[in-house]
Amino acid sequence: MTETKTKTLRRTLIGDVVSDKMDKTVVVSVERRFPHPRYGRIVKRRTKVKAHDEKNACRLGDRVQVVESRPLSRDKRWRVLSILRKGAAAVAAGSGPEA
């Protein structure tokens, strides 16, 4: 008999890095929009998730894509998959004149 491993589809979220002060961990704010059940108006809600950033590549303000993973610590259940856009803070710090 052959055992075949099937990969399960993992959820991916897109959000902005709101904290990068921890080692190999970033806090990502994910915004979701949905219509209010009674009034129909579009409502915005934010969720903050902690994600594993192995290379410490993410900076404050970056737009990142995170993917669900196994529990890495008490709070971390997500991994940074890719950096979609560098934040304004990272761009300004890298292109400023040297004094």
Protein backbone atom coordinates (compact mmCIF):
# COMPACT_ATOMS: atom_id res chain seq x y z
CA MET A 1 0.00 0.00 0.00
CA THR A 2 1.17 3.44 -0.79
CA GLU A 3 0.52 6.27 1.55
CA THR A 4 -0.25 9.54 -0.12
CA LYS A 5 -0.09 12.74 1.81
CA THR A 6 -2.65 15.27 0.78
CA LYS A 7 -1.92 18.91 1.42
CA THR A 8 -4.73 20.78 3.04
CA LEU A 9 -5.53 24.25 1.83
CA ARG A 10 -4.38 26.79 4.35
CA ARG A 11 -6.03 30.13 4.92
CA THR A 12 -4.13 33.20 3.78
CA LEU A 13 -4.70 36.74 4.98
CA ILE A 14 -3.39 40.10 3.81
CA GLY A 15 -2.68 42.83 6.34
CA ASP A 16 -0.35 45.58 7.52
CA VAL A 17 2.52 45.16 9.98
CA VAL A 18 1.75 47.22 13.10
CA SER A 19 4.66 46.00 15.26
CA ASP A 20 8.06 44.48 14.46
CA LYS A 21 9.72 44.85 17.87
CA MET A 22 9.86 41.12 18.69
CA ASP A 23 12.56 38.81 17.38
CA LYS A 24 11.30 36.78 14.39
CA THR A 25 7.71 37.86 15.09
CA VAL A 26 5.51 40.57 13.62
CA VAL A 27 2.01 41.71 14.55
CA VAL A 28 -0.22 42.00 11.49
CA SER A 29 -3.50 43.93 11.49
CA VAL A 30 -6.03 42.29 9.15
CA GLU A 31 -9.11 44.25 8.12
CA ARG A 32 -12.31 42.52 7.10
CA ARG A 33 -15.43 44.12 5.66
CA PHE A 34 -18.95 42.74 5.79
CA PRO A 35 -22.49 44.08 5.54
CA HIS A 36 -24.25 44.75 8.84
CA PRO A 37 -26.87 42.03 9.38
CA ARG A 38 -29.74 44.46 9.96
CA TYR A 39 -28.79 47.75 8.32
CA GLY A 40 -26.77 46.53 5.35
CA ARG A 41 -24.03 49.12 5.76
CA ILE A 42 -20.48 47.90 5.14
CA VAL A 43 -18.74 47.54 8.51
CA LYS A 44 -14.97 47.30 9.01
CA ARG A 45 -13.43 45.16 11.75
CA ARG A 46 -9.75 44.59 12.49
CA THR A 47 -8.03 41.52 13.88
CA LYS A 48 -4.41 41.44 15.03
CA VAL A 49 -2.47 38.21 14.49
CA LYS A 50 1.11 37.35 15.39
CA ALA A 51 3.09 35.89 12.51
CA HIS A 52 6.50 34.22 12.30
CA ASP A 53 9.09 36.19 10.28
CA GLU A 54 12.14 33.93 10.07
CA LYS A 55 14.51 36.48 8.47
CA ASN A 56 13.24 39.58 10.31
CA ALA A 57 12.54 41.09 6.87
CA CYS A 58 9.24 42.81 7.68
CA ARG A 59 9.19 46.40 8.86
CA LEU A 60 6.51 48.65 10.31
CA GLY A 61 3.91 49.61 7.69
CA ASP A 62 4.64 46.75 5.26
CA ARG A 63 1.70 45.04 3.56
CA VAL A 64 2.24 41.28 3.98
CA GLN A 65 0.54 38.01 3.16
CA VAL A 66 0.38 35.51 6.02
CA VAL A 67 -0.52 31.83 5.86
CA GLU A 68 -1.96 29.60 8.56
CA SER A 69 0.52 27.16 10.13
CA ARG A 70 0.95 24.86 13.07
CA PRO A 71 1.16 26.51 16.50
CA LEU A 72 4.64 28.02 16.88
CA SER A 73 4.09 29.46 20.36
CA ARG A 74 1.22 30.38 22.65
CA ASP A 75 0.04 33.18 20.34
CA LYS A 76 1.69 32.50 16.95
CA ARG A 77 -0.27 30.44 14.43
CA TRP A 78 0.65 32.28 11.22
CA ARG A 79 3.76 32.58 9.01
CA VAL A 80 4.74 35.47 6.73
CA LEU A 81 4.42 34.17 3.18
CA SER A 82 5.50 37.28 1.29
CA ILE A 83 5.93 41.03 1.55
CA LEU A 84 3.55 42.57 -0.96
CA ARG A 85 4.51 46.22 -0.50
CA LYS A 86 7.11 48.01 1.60
CA GLY A 87 5.73 50.51 4.10
CA ALA A 88 6.24 54.27 3.94
CA ALA A 89 8.50 54.18 7.02
CA ALA A 90 10.85 51.64 5.39
CA VAL A 91 10.98 53.53 2.07
CA ALA A 92 11.63 56.91 3.74
CA ALA A 93 14.40 55.49 5.94
CA GLY A 94 16.17 53.85 3.00
CA SER A 95 16.09 56.79 0.58
CA GLY A 96 16.87 59.72 2.89
CA PRO A 97 20.09 61.76 2.58
CA GLU A 98 22.91 60.65 4.85
CA ALA A 99 24.01 63.33 7.34
